[in-house]
PDB file of N, CA and C in Angstrom:
ATOM      1  N   MET A   1     -77.413  44.016  25.290  1.00  0.00           N
ATOM      2  CA  MET A   1     -75.418  44.899  25.350  1.00  0.00           C
ATOM      3  C   MET A   1     -76.102  45.834  26.694  1.00  0.00           C
ATOM      4  N   ARG A   2     -76.965  46.557  27.297  1.00  0.00           N
ATOM      5  CA  ARG A   2     -76.677  47.190  28.299  1.00  0.00           C
ATOM      6  C   ARG A   2     -76.656  46.151  29.582  1.00  0.00           C
ATOM      7  N   LEU A   3     -76.958  45.253  29.563  1.00  0.00           N
ATOM      8  CA  LEU A   3     -77.114  44.342  30.467  1.00  0.00           C
ATOM      9  C   LEU A   3     -75.061  43.728  30.574  1.00  0.00           C
ATOM     10  N   ILE A   4     -73.707  43.613  29.240  1.00  0.00           N
ATOM     11  CA  ILE A   4     -72.958  42.803  29.572  1.00  0.00           C
ATOM     12  C   ILE A   4     -72.188  43.773  30.200  1.00  0.00           C
ATOM     13  N   LEU A   5     -72.935  45.263  29.425  1.00  0.00           N
ATOM     14  CA  LEU A   5     -71.356  47.181  30.098  1.00  0.00           C
ATOM     15  C   LEU A   5     -71.786  46.865  31.495  1.00  0.00           C
ATOM     16  N   TRP A   6     -72.803  46.411  32.401  1.00  0.00           N
ATOM     17  CA  TRP A   6     -72.799  46.601  33.412  1.00  0.00           C
ATOM     18  C   TRP A   6     -72.968  45.642  35.053  1.00  0.00           C
ATOM     19  N   LEU A   7     -72.377  44.380  34.118  1.00  0.00           N
ATOM     20  CA  LEU A   7     -71.994  42.459  34.558  1.00  0.00           C
ATOM     21  C   LEU A   7     -70.381  42.828  34.808  1.00  0.00           C
ATOM     22  N   PRO A   8     -69.738  43.649  34.793  1.00  0.00           N
ATOM     23  CA  PRO A   8     -68.123  44.296  35.393  1.00  0.00           C
ATOM     24  C   PRO A   8     -68.631  44.323  36.449  1.00  0.00           C
ATOM     25  N   VAL A   9     -69.686  45.552  36.264  1.00  0.00           N
ATOM     26  CA  VAL A   9     -69.856  47.211  36.671  1.00  0.00           C
ATOM     27  C   VAL A   9     -70.095  46.254  37.809  1.00  0.00           C
ATOM     28  N   LEU A  10     -71.428  45.304  38.995  1.00  0.00           N
ATOM     29  CA  LEU A  10     -72.196  44.774  39.233  1.00  0.00           C
ATOM     30  C   LEU A  10     -71.279  43.122  40.020  1.00  0.00           C
ATOM     31  N   ALA A  11     -70.704  43.057  39.254  1.00  0.00           N
ATOM     32  CA  ALA A  11     -69.286  42.038  39.795  1.00  0.00           C
ATOM     33  C   ALA A  11     -68.216  42.937  40.827  1.00  0.00           C
ATOM     34  N   GLY A  12     -68.288  44.022  40.283  1.00  0.00           N
ATOM     35  CA  GLY A  12     -67.123  45.095  41.454  1.00  0.00           C
ATOM     36  C   GLY A  12     -67.607  45.306  42.453  1.00  0.00           C
ATOM     37  N   ILE A  13     -68.782  45.749  42.123  1.00  0.00           N
ATOM     38  CA  ILE A  13     -69.534  46.317  43.648  1.00  0.00           C
ATOM     39  C   ILE A  13     -69.508  44.750  45.038  1.00  0.00           C
ATOM     40  N   ALA A  14     -70.626  43.744  43.861  1.00  0.00           N
ATOM     41  CA  ALA A  14     -70.346  42.189  45.010  1.00  0.00           C
ATOM     42  C   ALA A  14     -68.322  42.016  45.113  1.00  0.00           C
ATOM     43  N   ALA A  15     -67.415  42.320  44.837  1.00  0.00           N
ATOM     44  CA  ALA A  15     -66.361  41.961  45.080  1.00  0.00           C
ATOM     45  C   ALA A  15     -66.259  43.292  46.277  1.00  0.00           C
ATOM     46  N   GLY A  16     -66.456  44.232  45.879  1.00  0.00           N
ATOM     47  CA  GLY A  16     -66.163  45.681  47.147  1.00  0.00           C
ATOM     48  C   GLY A  16     -66.519  44.901  48.167  1.00  0.00           C
ATOM     49  N   ALA A  17     -68.213  44.321  48.628  1.00  0.00           N
ATOM     50  CA  ALA A  17     -68.790  44.043  49.585  1.00  0.00           C
ATOM     51  C   ALA A  17     -68.094  43.626  50.347  1.00  0.00           C
ATOM     52  N   ALA A  18     -68.112  42.159  50.180  1.00  0.00           N
ATOM     53  CA  ALA A  18     -67.540  40.607  50.079  1.00  0.00           C
ATOM     54  C   ALA A  18     -66.116  40.982  50.653  1.00  0.00           C
ATOM     55  N   TRP A  19     -64.798  41.703  49.868  1.00  0.00           N
ATOM     56  CA  TRP A  19     -64.428  42.434  51.091  1.00  0.00           C
ATOM     57  C   TRP A  19     -64.256  42.854  51.731  1.00  0.00           C
ATOM     58  N   LEU A  20     -65.040  43.958  52.390  1.00  0.00           N
ATOM     59  CA  LEU A  20     -65.370  44.853  53.049  1.00  0.00           C
ATOM     60  C   LEU A  20     -66.246  44.314  54.708  1.00  0.00           C
ATOM     61  N   THR A  21     -66.888  43.323  53.919  1.00  0.00           N
ATOM     62  CA  THR A  21     -66.988  42.770  55.255  1.00  0.00           C
ATOM     63  C   THR A  21     -67.143  41.078  55.669  1.00  0.00           C
ATOM     64  N   ARG A  22     -65.692  41.188  54.940  1.00  0.00           N
ATOM     65  CA  ARG A  22     -65.299  39.744  55.498  1.00  0.00           C
ATOM     66  C   ARG A  22     -65.788  39.683  56.322  1.00  0.00           C
ATOM     67  N   PRO A  23     -65.683  38.276  57.447  1.00  0.00           N
ATOM     68  CA  PRO A  23     -65.544  38.495  59.256  1.00  0.00           C
ATOM     69  C   PRO A  23     -64.158  37.995  59.541  1.00  0.00           C
ATOM     70  N   GLY A  24     -63.040  38.938  61.085  1.00  0.00           N
ATOM     71  CA  GLY A  24     -62.569  38.445  61.497  1.00  0.00           C
ATOM     72  C   GLY A  24     -62.412  37.186  62.610  1.00  0.00           C
ATOM     73  N   SER A  25     -61.428  37.158  63.377  1.00  0.00           N
ATOM     74  CA  SER A  25     -60.970  36.611  64.674  1.00  0.00           C
ATOM     75  C   SER A  25     -62.132  36.918  65.578  1.00  0.00           C
ATOM     76  N   ASP A  26     -62.264  38.363  65.764  1.00  0.00           N
ATOM     77  CA  ASP A  26     -63.582  38.256  67.069  1.00  0.00           C
ATOM     78  C   ASP A  26     -65.526  37.950  66.535  1.00  0.00           C
ATOM     79  N   ALA A  27     -64.940  37.931  64.793  1.00  0.00           N
ATOM     80  CA  ALA A  27     -66.517  37.789  64.678  1.00  0.00           C
ATOM     81  C   ALA A  27     -66.274  35.596  64.629  1.00  0.00           C
ATOM     82  N   PHE A  28     -65.463  34.955  64.762  1.00  0.00           N
ATOM     83  CA  PHE A  28     -65.800  34.358  65.157  1.00  0.00           C
ATOM     84  C   PHE A  28     -65.479  33.477  66.169  1.00  0.00           C
ATOM     85  N   ASP A  29     -64.951  34.297  66.912  1.00  0.00           N
ATOM     86  CA  ASP A  29     -65.165  33.903  68.325  1.00  0.00           C
ATOM     87  C   ASP A  29     -66.647  34.152  69.118  1.00  0.00           C
ATOM     88  N   ALA A  30     -67.589  35.389  68.623  1.00  0.00           N
ATOM     89  CA  ALA A  30     -68.656  35.487  68.896  1.00  0.00           C
ATOM     90  C   ALA A  30     -69.048  34.780  68.214  1.00  0.00           C
ATOM     91  N   HIS A  31     -69.168  34.323  67.006  1.00  0.00           N
ATOM     92  CA  HIS A  31     -69.874  32.978  65.733  1.00  0.00           C
ATOM     93  C   HIS A  31     -69.810  31.903  67.445  1.00  0.00           C
ATOM     94  N   LEU A  32     -68.743  31.433  67.570  1.00  0.00           N
ATOM     95  CA  LEU A  32     -68.254  30.181  68.476  1.00  0.00           C
ATOM     96  C   LEU A  32     -68.690  29.633  70.224  1.00  0.00           C
ATOM     97  N   ARG A  33     -69.084  31.133  70.956  1.00  0.00           N
ATOM     98  CA  ARG A  33     -68.989  31.079  71.874  1.00  0.00           C
ATOM     99  C   ARG A  33     -70.667  31.354  71.692  1.00  0.00           C
ATOM    100  N   ALA A  34     -71.413  32.138  70.524  1.00  0.00           N
ATOM    101  CA  ALA A  34     -72.939  31.481  70.121  1.00  0.00           C
ATOM    102  C   ALA A  34     -73.630  30.461  70.055  1.00  0.00           C
ATOM    103  N   ALA A  35     -72.487  29.418  69.766  1.00  0.00           N
ATOM    104  CA  ALA A  35     -73.216  28.389  69.402  1.00  0.00           C
ATOM    105  C   ALA A  35     -72.684  27.299  70.477  1.00  0.00           C
ATOM    106  N   ILE A  36     -71.544  27.740  71.219  1.00  0.00           N
ATOM    107  CA  ILE A  36     -71.398  27.021  72.712  1.00  0.00           C
ATOM    108  C   ILE A  36     -72.549  27.436  74.087  1.00  0.00           C
ATOM    109  N   GLU A  37     -73.161  28.911  74.235  1.00  0.00           N
ATOM    110  CA  GLU A  37     -73.756  29.068  74.993  1.00  0.00           C
ATOM    111  C   GLU A  37     -75.202  28.119  74.472  1.00  0.00           C
ATOM    112  N   ARG A  38     -75.696  28.434  72.479  1.00  0.00           N
ATOM    113  CA  ARG A  38     -76.622  27.979  72.500  1.00  0.00           C
ATOM    114  C   ARG A  38     -76.772  26.214  73.305  1.00  0.00           C
ATOM    115  N   ARG A  39     -75.562  25.497  72.842  1.00  0.00           N
ATOM    116  CA  ARG A  39     -75.295  23.766  72.981  1.00  0.00           C
ATOM    117  C   ARG A  39     -75.794  24.097  75.025  1.00  0.00           C
ATOM    118  N   ILE A  40     -74.860  24.412  75.251  1.00  0.00           N
ATOM    119  CA  ILE A  40     -75.082  24.128  77.083  1.00  0.00           C
ATOM    120  C   ILE A  40     -76.557  24.035  77.576  1.00  0.00           C
ATOM    121  N   ALA A  41     -77.455  25.017  76.385  1.00  0.00           N
ATOM    122  CA  ALA A  41     -79.088  25.926  76.951  1.00  0.00           C
ATOM    123  C   ALA A  41     -79.565  24.716  76.468  1.00  0.00           C
ATOM    124  N   THR A  42     -79.218  23.962  75.227  1.00  0.00           N
ATOM    125  CA  THR A  42     -80.241  23.033  75.085  1.00  0.00           C
ATOM    126  C   THR A  42     -79.774  21.124  75.385  1.00  0.00           C
ATOM    127  N   THR A  43     -78.420  21.196  76.105  1.00  0.00           N
ATOM    128  CA  THR A  43     -78.800  20.047  76.625  1.00  0.00           C
ATOM    129  C   THR A  43     -78.663  20.104  77.877  1.00  0.00           C
ATOM    130  N   ASP A  44     -79.808  18.089  77.907  1.00  0.00           N
ATOM    131  CA  ASP A  44     -80.535  18.382  79.769  1.00  0.00           C
ATOM    132  C   ASP A  44     -78.800  17.957  80.532  1.00  0.00           C
ATOM    133  N   VAL A  45     -78.458  17.759  81.056  1.00  0.00           N
ATOM    134  CA  VAL A  45     -78.086  17.082  82.255  1.00  0.00           C
ATOM    135  C   VAL A  45     -78.815  15.902  82.853  1.00  0.00           C
ATOM    136  N   GLY A  46     -77.171  14.831  82.766  1.00  0.00           N
ATOM    137  CA  GLY A  46     -77.513  13.585  83.144  1.00  0.00           C
ATOM    138  C   GLY A  46     -78.136  12.059  81.892  1.00  0.00           C
ATOM    139  N   THR A  47     -78.073  13.378  80.549  1.00  0.00           N
ATOM    140  CA  THR A  47     -79.153  12.142  78.674  1.00  0.00           C
ATOM    141  C   THR A  47     -77.660  11.811  78.714  1.00  0.00           C
ATOM    142  N   GLY A  48     -76.521  12.133  78.800  1.00  0.00           N
ATOM    143  CA  GLY A  48     -75.059  11.384  78.683  1.00  0.00           C
ATOM    144  C   GLY A  48     -74.044   9.820  79.617  1.00  0.00           C
ATOM    145  N   ASP A  49     -74.107   9.118  79.378  1.00  0.00           N
ATOM    146  CA  ASP A  49     -73.349   8.024  80.134  1.00  0.00           C
ATOM    147  C   ASP A  49     -71.655   8.470  81.081  1.00  0.00           C
ATOM    148  N   ASP A  50     -71.479   9.343  80.599  1.00  0.00           N
ATOM    149  CA  ASP A  50     -70.029   9.877  81.181  1.00  0.00           C
ATOM    150  C   ASP A  50     -69.705  10.882  82.697  1.00  0.00           C
ATOM    151  N   PRO A  51     -69.598  10.296  83.299  1.00  0.00           N
ATOM    152  CA  PRO A  51     -70.527  11.569  84.440  1.00  0.00           C
ATOM    153  C   PRO A  51     -69.426  12.459  83.848  1.00  0.00           C
ATOM    154  N   VAL A  52     -68.315  12.276  84.425  1.00  0.00           N
ATOM    155  CA  VAL A  52     -67.451  13.574  84.103  1.00  0.00           C
ATOM    156  C   VAL A  52     -67.767  14.631  82.515  1.00  0.00           C
ATOM    157  N   ALA A  53     -68.585  13.715  81.726  1.00  0.00           N
ATOM    158  CA  ALA A  53     -69.713  15.877  80.458  1.00  0.00           C
ATOM    159  C   ALA A  53     -70.479  15.764  81.443  1.00  0.00           C
ATOM    160  N   THR A  54     -71.122  14.827  82.189  1.00  0.00           N
ATOM    161  CA  THR A  54     -71.591  15.272  83.601  1.00  0.00           C
ATOM    162  C   THR A  54     -71.546  16.440  83.751  1.00  0.00           C
ATOM    163  N   ILE A  55     -69.975  16.820  84.510  1.00  0.00           N
ATOM    164  CA  ILE A  55     -70.272  17.905  85.817  1.00  0.00           C
ATOM    165  C   ILE A  55     -69.818  18.592  84.517  1.00  0.00           C
ATOM    166  N   ALA A  56     -69.041  18.450  83.516  1.00  0.00           N
ATOM    167  CA  ALA A  56     -68.267  19.015  82.831  1.00  0.00           C
ATOM    168  C   ALA A  56     -69.672  20.435  81.882  1.00  0.00           C
ATOM    169  N   LEU A  57     -70.619  19.510  81.639  1.00  0.00           N
ATOM    170  CA  LEU A  57     -71.547  20.143  81.706  1.00  0.00           C
ATOM    171  C   LEU A  57     -72.653  21.082  83.072  1.00  0.00           C
ATOM    172  N   VAL A  58     -72.803  20.740  83.964  1.00  0.00           N
ATOM    173  CA  VAL A  58     -72.926  21.221  85.143  1.00  0.00           C
ATOM    174  C   VAL A  58     -72.591  22.465  85.543  1.00  0.00           C
ATOM    175  N   GLY A  59     -70.888  22.573  86.071  1.00  0.00           N
ATOM    176  CA  GLY A  59     -70.058  23.689  85.907  1.00  0.00           C
ATOM    177  C   GLY A  59     -70.271  24.206  84.102  1.00  0.00           C
ATOM    178  N   CYS A  60     -70.694  24.184  82.877  1.00  0.00           N
ATOM    179  CA  CYS A  60     -70.546  25.275  81.745  1.00  0.00           C
ATOM    180  C   CYS A  60     -72.143  25.751  82.326  1.00  0.00           C
ATOM    181  N   LYS A  61     -72.942  25.049  83.137  1.00  0.00           N
ATOM    182  CA  LYS A  61     -73.955  26.217  82.791  1.00  0.00           C
ATOM    183  C   LYS A  61     -74.510  26.613  84.080  1.00  0.00           C
ATOM    184  N   LEU A  62     -73.454  26.467  84.486  1.00  0.00           N
ATOM    185  CA  LEU A  62     -73.331  27.764  85.805  1.00  0.00           C
ATOM    186  C   LEU A  62     -71.922  28.805  85.528  1.00  0.00           C
ATOM    187  N   ARG A  63     -72.040  28.629  84.738  1.00  0.00           N
ATOM    188  CA  ARG A  63     -70.856  29.933  84.535  1.00  0.00           C
ATOM    189  C   ARG A  63     -70.145  29.918  83.219  1.00  0.00           C
ATOM    190  N   PRO A  64     -71.413  30.363  82.079  1.00  0.00           N
ATOM    191  CA  PRO A  64     -71.114  29.287  80.813  1.00  0.00           C
ATOM    192  C   PRO A  64     -70.042  30.124  80.364  1.00  0.00           C
ATOM    193  N   SER A  65     -69.270  31.540  80.730  1.00  0.00           N
ATOM    194  CA  SER A  65     -68.392  32.606  80.201  1.00  0.00           C
ATOM    195  C   SER A  65     -67.552  31.955  80.242  1.00  0.00           C
ATOM    196  N   ASP A  66     -66.977  31.604  80.858  1.00  0.00           N
ATOM    197  CA  ASP A  66     -65.795  30.493  82.270  1.00  0.00           C
ATOM    198  C   ASP A  66     -65.917  29.861  81.530  1.00  0.00           C
ATOM    199  N   CYS A  67     -67.071  29.019  80.968  1.00  0.00           N
ATOM    200  CA  CYS A  67     -67.311  27.610  80.088  1.00  0.00           C
ATOM    201  C   CYS A  67     -66.694  27.855  78.553  1.00  0.00           C
ATOM    202  N   PHE A  68     -67.329  29.138  78.407  1.00  0.00           N
ATOM    203  CA  PHE A  68     -66.431  29.427  77.072  1.00  0.00           C
ATOM    204  C   PHE A  68     -65.099  29.511  76.910  1.00  0.00           C
ATOM    205  N   THR A  69     -63.753  30.276  77.905  1.00  0.00           N
ATOM    206  CA  THR A  69     -63.633  30.505  77.673  1.00  0.00           C
ATOM    207  C   THR A  69     -62.286  29.211  78.202  1.00  0.00           C
ATOM    208  N   LEU A  70     -62.422  28.030  79.068  1.00  0.00           N
ATOM    209  CA  LEU A  70     -61.755  27.289  79.413  1.00  0.00           C
ATOM    210  C   LEU A  70     -61.812  26.351  77.232  1.00  0.00           C
ATOM    211  N   LEU A  71     -63.016  26.057  76.627  1.00  0.00           N
ATOM    212  CA  LEU A  71     -63.003  25.697  76.014  1.00  0.00           C
ATOM    213  C   LEU A  71     -62.409  26.336  73.956  1.00  0.00           C
ATOM    214  N   ARG A  72     -62.877  27.462  73.958  1.00  0.00           N
ATOM    215  CA  ARG A  72     -61.976  28.094  73.223  1.00  0.00           C
ATOM    216  C   ARG A  72     -59.605  27.938  73.522  1.00  0.00           C
ATOM    217  N   GLN A  73     -60.162  28.292  74.441  1.00  0.00           N
ATOM    218  CA  GLN A  73     -58.904  27.683  75.149  1.00  0.00           C
ATOM    219  C   GLN A  73     -57.413  26.071  74.185  1.00  0.00           C
ATOM    220  N   SER A  74     -58.710  25.693  74.457  1.00  0.00           N
ATOM    221  CA  SER A  74     -57.711  24.591  73.735  1.00  0.00           C
ATOM    222  C   SER A  74     -58.260  23.611  72.616  1.00  0.00           C
ATOM    223  N   LEU A  75     -59.149  24.555  71.990  1.00  0.00           N
ATOM    224  CA  LEU A  75     -59.010  24.631  70.515  1.00  0.00           C
ATOM    225  C   LEU A  75     -58.377  25.309  69.425  1.00  0.00           C
ATOM    226  N   ASP A  76     -58.148  24.493  68.500  1.00  0.00           N
ATOM    227  CA  ASP A  76     -56.835  25.171  67.308  1.00  0.00           C
ATOM    228  C   ASP A  76     -57.232  26.086  66.689  1.00  0.00           C
ATOM    229  N   VAL A  77     -57.163  26.946  66.320  1.00  0.00           N
ATOM    230  CA  VAL A  77     -57.829  27.630  65.237  1.00  0.00           C
ATOM    231  C   VAL A  77     -56.948  28.523  64.317  1.00  0.00           C
ATOM    232  N   THR A  78     -56.862  27.640  63.245  1.00  0.00           N
ATOM    233  CA  THR A  78     -55.953  28.911  61.937  1.00  0.00           C
ATOM    234  C   THR A  78     -57.421  29.770  60.557  1.00  0.00           C
ATOM    235  N   ILE A  79     -56.956  30.455  60.484  1.00  0.00           N
ATOM    236  CA  ILE A  79     -57.152  31.784  60.310  1.00  0.00           C
ATOM    237  C   ILE A  79     -56.606  32.535  59.158  1.00  0.00           C
ATOM    238  N   GLU A  80     -57.166  31.342  57.342  1.00  0.00           N
ATOM    239  CA  GLU A  80     -56.586  32.111  56.160  1.00  0.00           C
ATOM    240  C   GLU A  80     -57.411  32.809  55.734  1.00  0.00           C
ATOM    241  N   ASP A  81     -57.005  34.170  55.962  1.00  0.00           N
ATOM    242  CA  ASP A  81     -56.997  35.252  55.366  1.00  0.00           C
ATOM    243  C   ASP A  81     -57.403  35.321  53.867  1.00  0.00           C
ATOM    244  N   ARG A  82     -58.766  35.327  53.188  1.00  0.00           N
ATOM    245  CA  ARG A  82     -59.006  35.298  51.517  1.00  0.00           C
ATOM    246  C   ARG A  82     -59.021  36.663  51.110  1.00  0.00           C
ATOM    247  N   VAL A  83     -59.337  36.470  49.642  1.00  0.00           N
ATOM    248  CA  VAL A  83     -58.876  38.215  49.252  1.00  0.00           C
ATOM    249  C   VAL A  83     -61.154  38.624  50.038  1.00  0.00           C
ATOM    250  N   LEU A  84     -62.240  37.182  49.078  1.00  0.00           N
ATOM    251  CA  LEU A  84     -63.009  37.829  49.140  1.00  0.00           C
ATOM    252  C   LEU A  84     -64.441  37.381  50.594  1.00  0.00           C
ATOM    253  N   TYR A  85     -62.790  36.144  50.925  1.00  0.00           N
ATOM    254  CA  TYR A  85     -63.869  35.760  52.049  1.00  0.00           C
ATOM    255  C   TYR A  85     -63.063  35.319  53.278  1.00  0.00           C
ATOM    256  N   THR A  86     -63.482  35.047  54.339  1.00  0.00           N
ATOM    257  CA  THR A  86     -62.329  34.082  55.347  1.00  0.00           C
ATOM    258  C   THR A  86     -62.500  32.751  55.390  1.00  0.00           C
ATOM    259  N   ARG A  87     -61.582  31.978  55.816  1.00  0.00           N
ATOM    260  CA  ARG A  87     -61.146  30.042  56.375  1.00  0.00           C
ATOM    261  C   ARG A  87     -60.911  30.134  57.602  1.00  0.00           C
ATOM    262  N   PHE A  88     -61.143  30.292  58.309  1.00  0.00           N
ATOM    263  CA  PHE A  88     -61.171  29.139  59.537  1.00  0.00           C
ATOM    264  C   PHE A  88     -61.331  28.191  59.639  1.00  0.00           C
ATOM    265  N   HIS A  89     -60.062  26.871  60.113  1.00  0.00           N
ATOM    266  CA  HIS A  89     -59.711  26.249  59.965  1.00  0.00           C
ATOM    267  C   HIS A  89     -59.679  25.630  61.655  1.00  0.00           C
ATOM    268  N   VAL A  90     -60.697  24.550  62.176  1.00  0.00           N
ATOM    269  CA  VAL A  90     -60.752  24.342  63.923  1.00  0.00           C
ATOM    270  C   VAL A  90     -60.787  22.914  64.233  1.00  0.00           C
ATOM    271  N   LYS A  91     -58.923  22.222  65.699  1.00  0.00           N
ATOM    272  CA  LYS A  91     -59.613  20.843  65.421  1.00  0.00           C
ATOM    273  C   LYS A  91     -59.655  21.170  66.682  1.00  0.00           C
ATOM    274  N   GLY A  92     -59.534  19.822  67.451  1.00  0.00           N
ATOM    275  CA  GLY A  92     -59.722  20.083  69.360  1.00  0.00           C
ATOM    276  C   GLY A  92     -60.774  19.478  69.716  1.00  0.00           C
ATOM    277  N   LEU A  93     -60.773  18.036  70.913  1.00  0.00           N
ATOM    278  CA  LEU A  93     -61.057  18.201  71.618  1.00  0.00           C
ATOM    279  C   LEU A  93     -61.779  16.834  71.070  1.00  0.00           C
ATOM    280  N   ASN A  94     -60.965  16.546  70.217  1.00  0.00           N
ATOM    281  CA  ASN A  94     -61.495  15.631  69.768  1.00  0.00           C
ATOM    282  C   ASN A  94     -62.680  15.572  68.045  1.00  0.00           C
ATOM    283  N   HIS A  95     -62.864  16.622  67.251  1.00  0.00           N
ATOM    284  CA  HIS A  95     -63.890  16.788  66.492  1.00  0.00           C
ATOM    285  C   HIS A  95     -62.692  17.656  65.550  1.00  0.00           C
ATOM    286  N   ALA A  96     -62.680  17.985  64.673  1.00  0.00           N
ATOM    287  CA  ALA A  96     -62.561  19.228  63.442  1.00  0.00           C
ATOM    288  C   ALA A  96     -63.178  19.956  62.849  1.00  0.00           C
ATOM    289  N   ALA A  97     -63.722  21.308  62.614  1.00  0.00           N
ATOM    290  CA  ALA A  97     -64.052  22.067  61.596  1.00  0.00           C
ATOM    291  C   ALA A  97     -64.214  22.656  60.315  1.00  0.00           C
ATOM    292  N   THR A  98     -64.923  23.041  59.428  1.00  0.00           N
ATOM    293  CA  THR A  98     -63.823  24.104  58.784  1.00  0.00           C
ATOM    294  C   THR A  98     -65.271  25.260  58.021  1.00  0.00           C
ATOM    295  N   CYS A  99     -64.735  27.143  58.548  1.00  0.00           N
ATOM    296  CA  CYS A  99     -65.474  27.482  58.513  1.00  0.00           C
ATOM    297  C   CYS A  99     -65.682  28.826  58.175  1.00  0.00           C
ATOM    298  N   THR A 100     -66.320  29.130  57.210  1.00  0.00           N
ATOM    299  CA  THR A 100     -66.080  30.007  56.680  1.00  0.00           C
ATOM    300  C   THR A 100     -67.014  31.156  56.367  1.00  0.00           C
ATOM    301  N   GLY A 101     -66.293  33.011  56.356  1.00  0.00           N
ATOM    302  CA  GLY A 101     -67.721  33.945  56.854  1.00  0.00           C
ATOM    303  C   GLY A 101     -67.161  34.418  55.595  1.00  0.00           C
ATOM    304  N   ALA A 102     -67.933  34.922  55.276  1.00  0.00           N
ATOM    305  CA  ALA A 102     -68.324  35.858  54.247  1.00  0.00           C
ATOM    306  C   ALA A 102     -69.511  37.259  54.278  1.00  0.00           C
ATOM    307  N   PHE A 103     -69.101  38.075  53.841  1.00  0.00           N
ATOM    308  CA  PHE A 103     -70.582  38.622  53.412  1.00  0.00           C
ATOM    309  C   PHE A 103     -70.930  38.568  55.423  1.00  0.00           C
ATOM    310  N   THR A 104     -70.153  38.919  56.512  1.00  0.00           N
ATOM    311  CA  THR A 104     -70.775  38.896  58.033  1.00  0.00           C
ATOM    312  C   THR A 104     -71.251  37.471  58.815  1.00  0.00           C
ATOM    313  N   ARG A 105     -71.416  36.365  57.085  1.00  0.00           N
ATOM    314  CA  ARG A 105     -71.997  35.774  57.329  1.00  0.00           C
ATOM    315  C   ARG A 105     -71.042  34.370  58.358  1.00  0.00           C
ATOM    316  N   ILE A 106     -70.864  33.817  59.221  1.00  0.00           N
ATOM    317  CA  ILE A 106     -69.749  32.908  59.414  1.00  0.00           C
ATOM    318  C   ILE A 106     -70.665  30.929  59.100  1.00  0.00           C
ATOM    319  N   TRP A 107     -70.750  30.600  58.276  1.00  0.00           N
ATOM    320  CA  TRP A 107     -71.137  28.964  58.471  1.00  0.00           C
ATOM    321  C   TRP A 107     -70.059  28.174  58.018  1.00  0.00           C
ATOM    322  N   CYS A 108     -70.356  26.439  59.122  1.00  0.00           N
ATOM    323  CA  CYS A 108     -69.003  25.495  59.645  1.00  0.00           C
ATOM    324  C   CYS A 108     -69.876  23.759  59.059  1.00  0.00           C
ATOM    325  N   ARG A 109     -68.934  23.727  58.891  1.00  0.00           N
ATOM    326  CA  ARG A 109     -69.109  21.946  57.865  1.00  0.00           C
ATOM    327  C   ARG A 109     -68.493  21.156  59.751  1.00  0.00           C
ATOM    328  N   GLU A 110     -68.530  19.671  59.979  1.00  0.00           N
ATOM    329  CA  GLU A 110     -67.609  18.691  60.551  1.00  0.00           C
ATOM    330  C   GLU A 110     -66.715  18.347  59.216  1.00  0.00           C
ATOM    331  N   ASP A 111     -65.152  18.771  59.420  1.00  0.00           N
ATOM    332  CA  ASP A 111     -64.496  17.290  59.311  1.00  0.00           C
ATOM    333  C   ASP A 111     -65.010  16.304  58.906  1.00  0.00           C
ATOM    334  N   PRO A 112     -64.054  15.525  59.275  1.00  0.00           N
ATOM    335  CA  PRO A 112     -63.990  13.986  59.376  1.00  0.00           C
ATOM    336  C   PRO A 112     -62.530  13.941  60.597  1.00  0.00           C
ATOM    337  N   LEU A 113     -61.822  13.634  61.573  1.00  0.00           N
ATOM    338  CA  LEU A 113     -60.903  13.152  60.963  1.00  0.00           C
ATOM    339  C   LEU A 113     -59.688  13.129  61.097  1.00  0.00           C
ATOM    340  N   GLY A 114     -58.539  13.406  61.034  1.00  0.00           N
ATOM    341  CA  GLY A 114     -57.601  12.793  59.691  1.00  0.00           C
ATOM    342  C   GLY A 114     -57.676  13.712  58.840  1.00  0.00           C
ATOM    343  N   SER A 115     -58.527  14.741  58.532  1.00  0.00           N
ATOM    344  CA  SER A 115     -58.255  14.985  56.990  1.00  0.00           C
ATOM    345  C   SER A 115     -57.085  16.272  57.788  1.00  0.00           C
TER     346      SER A 115
END
């Protein structure tokens, strides 16, 4: 019986914590920067067949912060600020993804193009 009485209180505390810790656009940019820098650091130069991509990768390895700025400008990011979480829709560079942020964490899934 006591558990039933405490359940709404615990649910309210969890909802308040979710509301207070929703990541915003700055947190999303930090998440995106970390993902791009990780991808740049782990990709070997010359592994692809596209010479333009190889040249771009070399430039990105030399100046990762400039690479992030250039990539971020080419992405279309739509932010849905929900009550308990934030949803980010990202499109650009022949890719699309939907990211969800809650409790200071952001996780993403790639969407098929055309959706």
